[in-house]
PDB file of N, CA and C in Angstrom:
ATOM      1  N   MET A   1     -58.043 -62.872-104.397  1.00  0.00           N
ATOM      2  CA  MET A   1     -58.439 -63.692-105.546  1.00  0.00           C
ATOM      3  C   MET A   1     -57.741 -65.048-105.466  1.00  0.00           C
ATOM      4  N   SER A   2     -58.494 -66.083-105.723  1.00  0.00           N
ATOM      5  CA  SER A   2     -57.967 -67.438-105.613  1.00  0.00           C
ATOM      6  C   SER A   2     -57.422 -67.930-106.936  1.00  0.00           C
ATOM      7  N   ASN A   3     -56.428 -68.780-106.839  1.00  0.00           N
ATOM      8  CA  ASN A   3     -55.879 -69.430-108.020  1.00  0.00           C
ATOM      9  C   ASN A   3     -56.399 -70.853-108.150  1.00  0.00           C
ATOM     10  N   LEU A   4     -57.466 -71.172-107.443  1.00  0.00           N
ATOM     11  CA  LEU A   4     -58.012 -72.519-107.470  1.00  0.00           C
ATOM     12  C   LEU A   4     -58.916 -72.709-108.685  1.00  0.00           C
ATOM     13  N   GLU A   5     -58.747 -73.862-109.322  1.00  0.00           N
ATOM     14  CA  GLU A   5     -59.616 -74.254-110.429  1.00  0.00           C
ATOM     15  C   GLU A   5     -60.062 -75.679-110.167  1.00  0.00           C
ATOM     16  N   LEU A   6     -61.333 -75.950-110.439  1.00  0.00           N
ATOM     17  CA  LEU A   6     -61.880 -77.277-110.219  1.00  0.00           C
ATOM     18  C   LEU A   6     -62.554 -77.772-111.490  1.00  0.00           C
ATOM     19  N   TYR A   7     -62.107 -78.921-111.965  1.00  0.00           N
ATOM     20  CA  TYR A   7     -62.764 -79.597-113.075  1.00  0.00           C
ATOM     21  C   TYR A   7     -63.782 -80.536-112.453  1.00  0.00           C
ATOM     22  N   GLU A   8     -65.039 -80.368-112.854  1.00  0.00           N
ATOM     23  CA  GLU A   8     -66.117 -81.104-112.209  1.00  0.00           C
ATOM     24  C   GLU A   8     -67.190 -81.510-113.208  1.00  0.00           C
ATOM     25  N   LEU A   9     -68.050 -82.402-112.751  1.00  0.00           N
ATOM     26  CA  LEU A   9     -69.162 -82.904-113.541  1.00  0.00           C
ATOM     27  C   LEU A   9     -70.427 -82.729-112.722  1.00  0.00           C
ATOM     28  N   ASP A  10     -71.446 -82.151-113.315  1.00  0.00           N
ATOM     29  CA  ASP A  10     -72.713 -81.940-112.627  1.00  0.00           C
ATOM     30  C   ASP A  10     -73.277 -83.281-112.161  1.00  0.00           C
ATOM     31  N   GLY A  11     -73.663 -83.342-110.892  1.00  0.00           N
ATOM     32  CA  GLY A  11     -74.237 -84.556-110.339  1.00  0.00           C
ATOM     33  C   GLY A  11     -73.226 -85.566-109.822  1.00  0.00           C
ATOM     34  N   CYS A  12     -71.941 -85.248-109.903  1.00  0.00           N
ATOM     35  CA  CYS A  12     -70.889 -86.156-109.443  1.00  0.00           C
ATOM     36  C   CYS A  12     -70.753 -86.049-107.918  1.00  0.00           C
ATOM     37  N   PRO A  13     -70.976 -87.161-107.186  1.00  0.00           N
ATOM     38  CA  PRO A  13     -70.888 -87.092-105.716  1.00  0.00           C
ATOM     39  C   PRO A  13     -69.473 -86.801-105.216  1.00  0.00           C
ATOM     40  N   PHE A  14     -68.462 -87.216-105.954  1.00  0.00           N
ATOM     41  CA  PHE A  14     -67.075 -86.950-105.555  1.00  0.00           C
ATOM     42  C   PHE A  14     -66.757 -85.468-105.734  1.00  0.00           C
ATOM     43  N   CYS A  15     -67.291 -84.880-106.801  1.00  0.00           N
ATOM     44  CA  CYS A  15     -67.115 -83.443-107.018  1.00  0.00           C
ATOM     45  C   CYS A  15     -67.840 -82.662-105.924  1.00  0.00           C
ATOM     46  N   ALA A  16     -69.041 -83.115-105.567  1.00  0.00           N
ATOM     47  CA  ALA A  16     -69.824 -82.442-104.525  1.00  0.00           C
ATOM     48  C   ALA A  16     -69.068 -82.427-103.203  1.00  0.00           C
ATOM     49  N   LYS A  17     -68.365 -83.507-102.903  1.00  0.00           N
ATOM     50  CA  LYS A  17     -67.574 -83.590-101.672  1.00  0.00           C
ATOM     51  C   LYS A  17     -66.501 -82.491-101.652  1.00  0.00           C
ATOM     52  N   VAL A  18     -65.840 -82.283-102.789  1.00  0.00           N
ATOM     53  CA  VAL A  18     -64.802 -81.251-102.894  1.00  0.00           C
ATOM     54  C   VAL A  18     -65.430 -79.859-102.821  1.00  0.00           C
ATOM     55  N   ILE A  19     -66.549 -79.668-103.509  1.00  0.00           N
ATOM     56  CA  ILE A  19     -67.232 -78.374-103.490  1.00  0.00           C
ATOM     57  C   ILE A  19     -67.684 -78.034-102.077  1.00  0.00           C
ATOM     58  N   ASP A  20     -68.186 -79.022-101.351  1.00  0.00           N
ATOM     59  CA  ASP A  20     -68.588 -78.794 -99.954  1.00  0.00           C
ATOM     60  C   ASP A  20     -67.411 -78.300 -99.121  1.00  0.00           C
ATOM     61  N   LYS A  21     -66.228 -78.877 -99.324  1.00  0.00           N
ATOM     62  CA  LYS A  21     -65.039 -78.453 -98.571  1.00  0.00           C
ATOM     63  C   LYS A  21     -64.620 -77.048 -98.988  1.00  0.00           C
ATOM     64  N   LEU A  22     -64.645 -76.760-100.273  1.00  0.00           N
ATOM     65  CA  LEU A  22     -64.311 -75.408-100.751  1.00  0.00           C
ATOM     66  C   LEU A  22     -65.252 -74.382-100.117  1.00  0.00           C
ATOM     67  N   ASP A  23     -66.555 -74.700-100.103  1.00  0.00           N
ATOM     68  CA  ASP A  23     -67.543 -73.794 -99.510  1.00  0.00           C
ATOM     69  C   ASP A  23     -67.334 -73.655 -98.003  1.00  0.00           C
ATOM     70  N   GLU A  24     -67.066 -74.776 -97.335  1.00  0.00           N
ATOM     71  CA  GLU A  24     -66.842 -74.760 -95.889  1.00  0.00           C
ATOM     72  C   GLU A  24     -65.674 -73.851 -95.521  1.00  0.00           C
ATOM     73  N   LEU A  25     -64.637 -73.868 -96.348  1.00  0.00           N
ATOM     74  CA  LEU A  25     -63.446 -73.056 -96.087  1.00  0.00           C
ATOM     75  C   LEU A  25     -63.566 -71.636 -96.648  1.00  0.00           C
ATOM     76  N   GLY A  26     -64.669 -71.354 -97.337  1.00  0.00           N
ATOM     77  CA  GLY A  26     -64.887 -70.021 -97.892  1.00  0.00           C
ATOM     78  C   GLY A  26     -63.938 -69.685 -99.025  1.00  0.00           C
ATOM     79  N   LEU A  27     -63.557 -70.696 -99.795  1.00  0.00           N
ATOM     80  CA  LEU A  27     -62.586 -70.492-100.873  1.00  0.00           C
ATOM     81  C   LEU A  27     -63.283 -70.228-102.200  1.00  0.00           C
ATOM     82  N   GLU A  28     -62.772 -69.243-102.926  1.00  0.00           N
ATOM     83  CA  GLU A  28     -63.260 -68.977-104.277  1.00  0.00           C
ATOM     84  C   GLU A  28     -62.499 -69.873-105.240  1.00  0.00           C
ATOM     85  N   TYR A  29     -63.182 -70.298-106.282  1.00  0.00           N
ATOM     86  CA  TYR A  29     -62.542 -71.144-107.277  1.00  0.00           C
ATOM     87  C   TYR A  29     -63.227 -70.958-108.619  1.00  0.00           C
ATOM     88  N   GLU A  30     -62.506 -71.277-109.661  1.00  0.00           N
ATOM     89  CA  GLU A  30     -63.062 -71.252-111.007  1.00  0.00           C
ATOM     90  C   GLU A  30     -63.506 -72.663-111.353  1.00  0.00           C
ATOM     91  N   SER A  31     -64.756 -72.794-111.747  1.00  0.00           N
ATOM     92  CA  SER A  31     -65.318 -74.098-112.083  1.00  0.00           C
ATOM     93  C   SER A  31     -65.201 -74.356-113.580  1.00  0.00           C
ATOM     94  N   HIS A  32     -64.761 -75.558-113.928  1.00  0.00           N
ATOM     95  CA  HIS A  32     -64.736 -76.014-115.321  1.00  0.00           C
ATOM     96  C   HIS A  32     -65.637 -77.243-115.390  1.00  0.00           C
ATOM     97  N   MET A  33     -66.820 -77.092-115.960  1.00  0.00           N
ATOM     98  CA  MET A  33     -67.723 -78.227-116.115  1.00  0.00           C
ATOM     99  C   MET A  33     -67.231 -79.057-117.305  1.00  0.00           C
ATOM    100  N   VAL A  34     -67.170 -80.362-117.107  1.00  0.00           N
ATOM    101  CA  VAL A  34     -66.648 -81.253-118.147  1.00  0.00           C
ATOM    102  C   VAL A  34     -67.780 -82.089-118.729  1.00  0.00           C
ATOM    103  N   PRO A  35     -67.565 -82.622-119.931  1.00  0.00           N
ATOM    104  CA  PRO A  35     -68.589 -83.485-120.540  1.00  0.00           C
ATOM    105  C   PRO A  35     -68.784 -84.766-119.728  1.00  0.00           C
ATOM    106  N   SER A  36     -69.982 -85.326-119.786  1.00  0.00           N
ATOM    107  CA  SER A  36     -70.252 -86.557-119.050  1.00  0.00           C
ATOM    108  C   SER A  36     -69.496 -87.742-119.634  1.00  0.00           C
ATOM    109  N   SER A  37     -69.203 -87.691-120.926  1.00  0.00           N
ATOM    110  CA  SER A  37     -68.456 -88.773-121.568  1.00  0.00           C
ATOM    111  C   SER A  37     -66.959 -88.618-121.310  1.00  0.00           C
ATOM    112  N   LYS A  38     -66.362 -89.618-120.654  1.00  0.00           N
ATOM    113  CA  LYS A  38     -64.921 -89.547-120.357  1.00  0.00           C
ATOM    114  C   LYS A  38     -64.087 -89.365-121.615  1.00  0.00           C
ATOM    115  N   SER A  39     -64.522 -89.934-122.722  1.00  0.00           N
ATOM    116  CA  SER A  39     -63.741 -89.838-123.961  1.00  0.00           C
ATOM    117  C   SER A  39     -63.665 -88.411-124.492  1.00  0.00           C
ATOM    118  N   GLU A  40     -64.533 -87.531-123.987  1.00  0.00           N
ATOM    119  CA  GLU A  40     -64.536 -86.135-124.431  1.00  0.00           C
ATOM    120  C   GLU A  40     -63.827 -85.197-123.448  1.00  0.00           C
ATOM    121  N   ARG A  41     -63.220 -85.740-122.442  1.00  0.00           N
ATOM    122  CA  ARG A  41     -62.579 -84.898-121.414  1.00  0.00           C
ATOM    123  C   ARG A  41     -61.099 -84.662-121.699  1.00  0.00           C
ATOM    124  N   ASP A  42     -60.807 -84.189-122.882  1.00  0.00           N
ATOM    125  CA  ASP A  42     -59.423 -83.934-123.269  1.00  0.00           C
ATOM    126  C   ASP A  42     -58.758 -82.894-122.369  1.00  0.00           C
ATOM    127  N   GLU A  43     -59.511 -81.866-121.985  1.00  0.00           N
ATOM    128  CA  GLU A  43     -58.952 -80.807-121.143  1.00  0.00           C
ATOM    129  C   GLU A  43     -58.515 -81.362-119.783  1.00  0.00           C
ATOM    130  N   VAL A  44     -59.309 -82.259-119.222  1.00  0.00           N
ATOM    131  CA  VAL A  44     -58.963 -82.886-117.945  1.00  0.00           C
ATOM    132  C   VAL A  44     -57.704 -83.736-118.109  1.00  0.00           C
ATOM    133  N   ALA A  45     -57.643 -84.489-119.199  1.00  0.00           N
ATOM    134  CA  ALA A  45     -56.478 -85.336-119.459  1.00  0.00           C
ATOM    135  C   ALA A  45     -55.215 -84.499-119.600  1.00  0.00           C
ATOM    136  N   GLU A  46     -55.332 -83.324-120.210  1.00  0.00           N
ATOM    137  CA  GLU A  46     -54.163 -82.454-120.383  1.00  0.00           C
ATOM    138  C   GLU A  46     -53.608 -81.973-119.052  1.00  0.00           C
ATOM    139  N   VAL A  47     -54.484 -81.664-118.101  1.00  0.00           N
ATOM    140  CA  VAL A  47     -54.008 -81.104-116.833  1.00  0.00           C
ATOM    141  C   VAL A  47     -53.679 -82.163-115.788  1.00  0.00           C
ATOM    142  N   SER A  48     -54.260 -83.368-115.917  1.00  0.00           N
ATOM    143  CA  SER A  48     -54.063 -84.343-114.850  1.00  0.00           C
ATOM    144  C   SER A  48     -53.534 -85.702-115.303  1.00  0.00           C
ATOM    145  N   GLY A  49     -53.508 -85.944-116.610  1.00  0.00           N
ATOM    146  CA  GLY A  49     -53.025 -87.224-117.094  1.00  0.00           C
ATOM    147  C   GLY A  49     -54.067 -88.331-117.034  1.00  0.00           C
ATOM    148  N   GLN A  50     -55.281 -87.995-116.634  1.00  0.00           N
ATOM    149  CA  GLN A  50     -56.382 -88.960-116.589  1.00  0.00           C
ATOM    150  C   GLN A  50     -57.681 -88.206-116.899  1.00  0.00           C
ATOM    151  N   ARG A  51     -58.773 -88.916-117.015  1.00  0.00           N
ATOM    152  CA  ARG A  51     -60.021 -88.291-117.449  1.00  0.00           C
ATOM    153  C   ARG A  51     -61.104 -88.245-116.374  1.00  0.00           C
ATOM    154  N   GLY A  52     -60.796 -88.703-115.169  1.00  0.00           N
ATOM    155  CA  GLY A  52     -61.770 -88.674-114.090  1.00  0.00           C
ATOM    156  C   GLY A  52     -61.849 -87.297-113.450  1.00  0.00           C
ATOM    157  N   VAL A  53     -62.948 -87.056-112.756  1.00  0.00           N
ATOM    158  CA  VAL A  53     -63.127 -85.821-111.995  1.00  0.00           C
ATOM    159  C   VAL A  53     -63.552 -86.200-110.581  1.00  0.00           C
ATOM    160  N   PRO A  54     -63.301 -85.349-109.625  1.00  0.00           N
ATOM    161  CA  PRO A  54     -62.809 -83.979-109.734  1.00  0.00           C
ATOM    162  C   PRO A  54     -61.294 -83.909-109.913  1.00  0.00           C
ATOM    163  N   VAL A  55     -60.859 -82.761-110.423  1.00  0.00           N
ATOM    164  CA  VAL A  55     -59.439 -82.448-110.542  1.00  0.00           C
ATOM    165  C   VAL A  55     -59.258 -81.011-110.074  1.00  0.00           C
ATOM    166  N   LEU A  56     -58.278 -80.810-109.201  1.00  0.00           N
ATOM    167  CA  LEU A  56     -58.002 -79.487-108.644  1.00  0.00           C
ATOM    168  C   LEU A  56     -56.673 -78.963-109.147  1.00  0.00           C
ATOM    169  N   ILE A  57     -56.664 -77.671-109.456  1.00  0.00           N
ATOM    170  CA  ILE A  57     -55.427 -76.955-109.765  1.00  0.00           C
ATOM    171  C   ILE A  57     -55.320 -75.811-108.765  1.00  0.00           C
ATOM    172  N   ASP A  58     -54.158 -75.691-108.145  1.00  0.00           N
ATOM    173  CA  ASP A  58     -53.872 -74.589-107.227  1.00  0.00           C
ATOM    174  C   ASP A  58     -52.538 -73.997-107.654  1.00  0.00           C
ATOM    175  N   ALA A  59     -52.600 -73.069-108.603  1.00  0.00           N
ATOM    176  CA  ALA A  59     -51.385 -72.495-109.188  1.00  0.00           C
ATOM    177  C   ALA A  59     -50.501 -71.831-108.139  1.00  0.00           C
ATOM    178  N   GLU A  60     -51.108 -71.218-107.147  1.00  0.00           N
ATOM    179  CA  GLU A  60     -50.350 -70.517-106.101  1.00  0.00           C
ATOM    180  C   GLU A  60     -49.439 -71.460-105.324  1.00  0.00           C
ATOM    181  N   HIS A  61     -49.858 -72.719-105.183  1.00  0.00           N
ATOM    182  CA  HIS A  61     -49.080 -73.691-104.425  1.00  0.00           C
ATOM    183  C   HIS A  61     -48.468 -74.774-105.302  1.00  0.00           C
ATOM    184  N   GLY A  62     -48.454 -74.574-106.618  1.00  0.00           N
ATOM    185  CA  GLY A  62     -47.799 -75.510-107.517  1.00  0.00           C
ATOM    186  C   GLY A  62     -48.510 -76.835-107.697  1.00  0.00           C
ATOM    187  N   VAL A  63     -49.820 -76.858-107.475  1.00  0.00           N
ATOM    188  CA  VAL A  63     -50.594 -78.090-107.645  1.00  0.00           C
ATOM    189  C   VAL A  63     -51.216 -78.079-109.038  1.00  0.00           C
ATOM    190  N   ASP A  64     -50.765 -78.998-109.861  1.00  0.00           N
ATOM    191  CA  ASP A  64     -51.253 -79.088-111.233  1.00  0.00           C
ATOM    192  C   ASP A  64     -51.960 -80.413-111.448  1.00  0.00           C
ATOM    193  N   GLY A  65     -53.270 -80.405-111.374  1.00  0.00           N
ATOM    194  CA  GLY A  65     -54.038 -81.589-111.720  1.00  0.00           C
ATOM    195  C   GLY A  65     -54.125 -82.642-110.639  1.00  0.00           C
ATOM    196  N   MET A  66     -54.445 -82.252-109.394  1.00  0.00           N
ATOM    197  CA  MET A  66     -54.638 -83.226-108.320  1.00  0.00           C
ATOM    198  C   MET A  66     -55.994 -83.897-108.503  1.00  0.00           C
ATOM    199  N   ALA A  67     -55.985 -85.220-108.512  1.00  0.00           N
ATOM    200  CA  ALA A  67     -57.219 -85.995-108.653  1.00  0.00           C
ATOM    201  C   ALA A  67     -57.567 -86.658-107.325  1.00  0.00           C
ATOM    202  N   GLU A  68     -58.646 -87.398-107.304  1.00  0.00           N
ATOM    203  CA  GLU A  68     -59.137 -88.141-106.134  1.00  0.00           C
ATOM    204  C   GLU A  68     -59.710 -87.192-105.082  1.00  0.00           C
ATOM    205  N   SER A  69     -61.002 -87.280-104.886  1.00  0.00           N
ATOM    206  CA  SER A  69     -61.703 -86.355-103.995  1.00  0.00           C
ATOM    207  C   SER A  69     -61.162 -86.364-102.566  1.00  0.00           C
ATOM    208  N   ASP A  70     -60.849 -87.542-102.027  1.00  0.00           N
ATOM    209  CA  ASP A  70     -60.323 -87.597-100.657  1.00  0.00           C
ATOM    210  C   ASP A  70     -58.985 -86.881-100.547  1.00  0.00           C
ATOM    211  N   ASP A  71     -58.133 -87.030-101.554  1.00  0.00           N
ATOM    212  CA  ASP A  71     -56.838 -86.342-101.565  1.00  0.00           C
ATOM    213  C   ASP A  71     -57.028 -84.834-101.664  1.00  0.00           C
ATOM    214  N   ILE A  72     -57.972 -84.410-102.495  1.00  0.00           N
ATOM    215  CA  ILE A  72     -58.231 -82.980-102.666  1.00  0.00           C
ATOM    216  C   ILE A  72     -58.769 -82.376-101.371  1.00  0.00           C
ATOM    217  N   VAL A  73     -59.731 -83.048-100.751  1.00  0.00           N
ATOM    218  CA  VAL A  73     -60.310 -82.554 -99.493  1.00  0.00           C
ATOM    219  C   VAL A  73     -59.223 -82.446 -98.417  1.00  0.00           C
ATOM    220  N   ALA A  74     -58.374 -83.462 -98.292  1.00  0.00           N
ATOM    221  CA  ALA A  74     -57.287 -83.431 -97.305  1.00  0.00           C
ATOM    222  C   ALA A  74     -56.314 -82.293 -97.609  1.00  0.00           C
ATOM    223  N   TYR A  75     -55.997 -82.108 -98.884  1.00  0.00           N
ATOM    224  CA  TYR A  75     -55.091 -81.024 -99.283  1.00  0.00           C
ATOM    225  C   TYR A  75     -55.693 -79.662 -98.925  1.00  0.00           C
ATOM    226  N   LEU A  76     -56.971 -79.461 -99.252  1.00  0.00           N
ATOM    227  CA  LEU A  76     -57.614 -78.183 -98.958  1.00  0.00           C
ATOM    228  C   LEU A  76     -57.634 -77.909 -97.462  1.00  0.00           C
ATOM    229  N   GLU A  77     -57.944 -78.919 -96.665  1.00  0.00           N
ATOM    230  CA  GLU A  77     -57.977 -78.749 -95.213  1.00  0.00           C
ATOM    231  C   GLU A  77     -56.581 -78.422 -94.677  1.00  0.00           C
ATOM    232  N   GLU A  78     -55.581 -79.133 -95.171  1.00  0.00           N
ATOM    233  CA  GLU A  78     -54.214 -78.908 -94.711  1.00  0.00           C
ATOM    234  C   GLU A  78     -53.690 -77.542 -95.140  1.00  0.00           C
ATOM    235  N   THR A  79     -54.012 -77.129 -96.357  1.00  0.00           N
ATOM    236  CA  THR A  79     -53.467 -75.899 -96.909  1.00  0.00           C
ATOM    237  C   THR A  79     -54.248 -74.656 -96.498  1.00  0.00           C
ATOM    238  N   TYR A  80     -55.571 -74.771 -96.445  1.00  0.00           N
ATOM    239  CA  TYR A  80     -56.409 -73.591 -96.223  1.00  0.00           C
ATOM    240  C   TYR A  80     -57.261 -73.669 -94.951  1.00  0.00           C
ATOM    241  N   GLY A  81     -57.349 -74.834 -94.354  1.00  0.00           N
ATOM    242  CA  GLY A  81     -58.226 -75.006 -93.194  1.00  0.00           C
ATOM    243  C   GLY A  81     -57.463 -75.025 -91.885  1.00  0.00           C
ATOM    244  N   GLY A  82     -57.984 -75.782 -90.947  1.00  0.00           N
ATOM    245  CA  GLY A  82     -57.405 -75.869 -89.605  1.00  0.00           C
ATOM    246  C   GLY A  82     -56.009 -76.447 -89.590  1.00  0.00           C
ATOM    247  N   GLY A  83     -55.632 -77.193 -90.618  1.00  0.00           N
ATOM    248  CA  GLY A  83     -54.301 -77.772 -90.670  1.00  0.00           C
ATOM    249  C   GLY A  83     -53.248 -76.820 -91.202  1.00  0.00           C
ATOM    250  N   ALA A  84     -53.695 -75.637 -91.668  1.00  0.00           N
ATOM    251  CA  ALA A  84     -52.747 -74.674 -92.226  1.00  0.00           C
ATOM    252  C   ALA A  84     -51.933 -74.038 -91.116  1.00  0.00           C
ATOM    253  N   SER A  85     -50.621 -73.911 -91.345  1.00  0.00           N
ATOM    254  CA  SER A  85     -49.776 -73.262 -90.357  1.00  0.00           C
ATOM    255  C   SER A  85     -49.938 -71.758 -90.474  1.00  0.00           C
ATOM    256  N   GLY A  86     -50.042 -71.095 -89.348  1.00  0.00           N
ATOM    257  CA  GLY A  86     -50.297 -69.656 -89.339  1.00  0.00           C
ATOM    258  C   GLY A  86     -49.035 -68.836 -89.233  1.00  0.00           C
ATOM    259  N   GLY A  87     -48.441 -68.499 -90.355  1.00  0.00           N
ATOM    260  CA  GLY A  87     -47.298 -67.596 -90.342  1.00  0.00           C
ATOM    261  C   GLY A  87     -45.977 -68.305 -90.130  1.00  0.00           C
ATOM    262  N   ALA A  88     -44.954 -67.512 -89.856  1.00  0.00           N
ATOM    263  CA  ALA A  88     -43.594 -68.027 -89.692  1.00  0.00           C
ATOM    264  C   ALA A  88     -43.423 -68.677 -88.331  1.00  0.00           C
ATOM    265  N   SER A  89     -42.554 -69.640 -88.273  1.00  0.00           N
ATOM    266  CA  SER A  89     -42.288 -70.287 -86.990  1.00  0.00           C
ATOM    267  C   SER A  89     -41.303 -69.461 -86.177  1.00  0.00           C
ATOM    268  N   ALA A  90     -41.229 -69.754 -84.899  1.00  0.00           N
ATOM    269  CA  ALA A  90     -40.377 -68.974 -84.009  1.00  0.00           C
ATOM    270  C   ALA A  90     -38.974 -69.572 -83.872  1.00  0.00           C
ATOM    271  N   SER A  91     -38.641 -70.528 -84.714  1.00  0.00           N
ATOM    272  CA  SER A  91     -37.313 -71.128 -84.606  1.00  0.00           C
ATOM    273  C   SER A  91     -36.240 -70.198 -85.153  1.00  0.00           C
ATOM    274  N   ALA A  92     -35.000 -70.397 -84.678  1.00  0.00           N
ATOM    275  CA  ALA A  92     -33.914 -69.501 -85.048  1.00  0.00           C
ATOM    276  C   ALA A  92     -33.302 -69.832 -86.349  1.00  0.00           C
TER     277      ALA A  92
END
């Protein structure tokens, strides 16, 4: 079970970019659809300090309210994709 949550807006190309990466990596996430009016996005503001979307929360890794689609995509790739380190290192 994933601890990923995504605040998104239907039809948002930046949100679609993040969703494409989540799907590519086979990650489950909880979707929170937000109102189209930024002034009504109080929930987004509470978790991220701003009202834009997308916003990602990854409780398992201590990520609370990451904004900016490019940053989210890079984070997902690094944490869950090919950039993720596989297990413990062999150092002493």
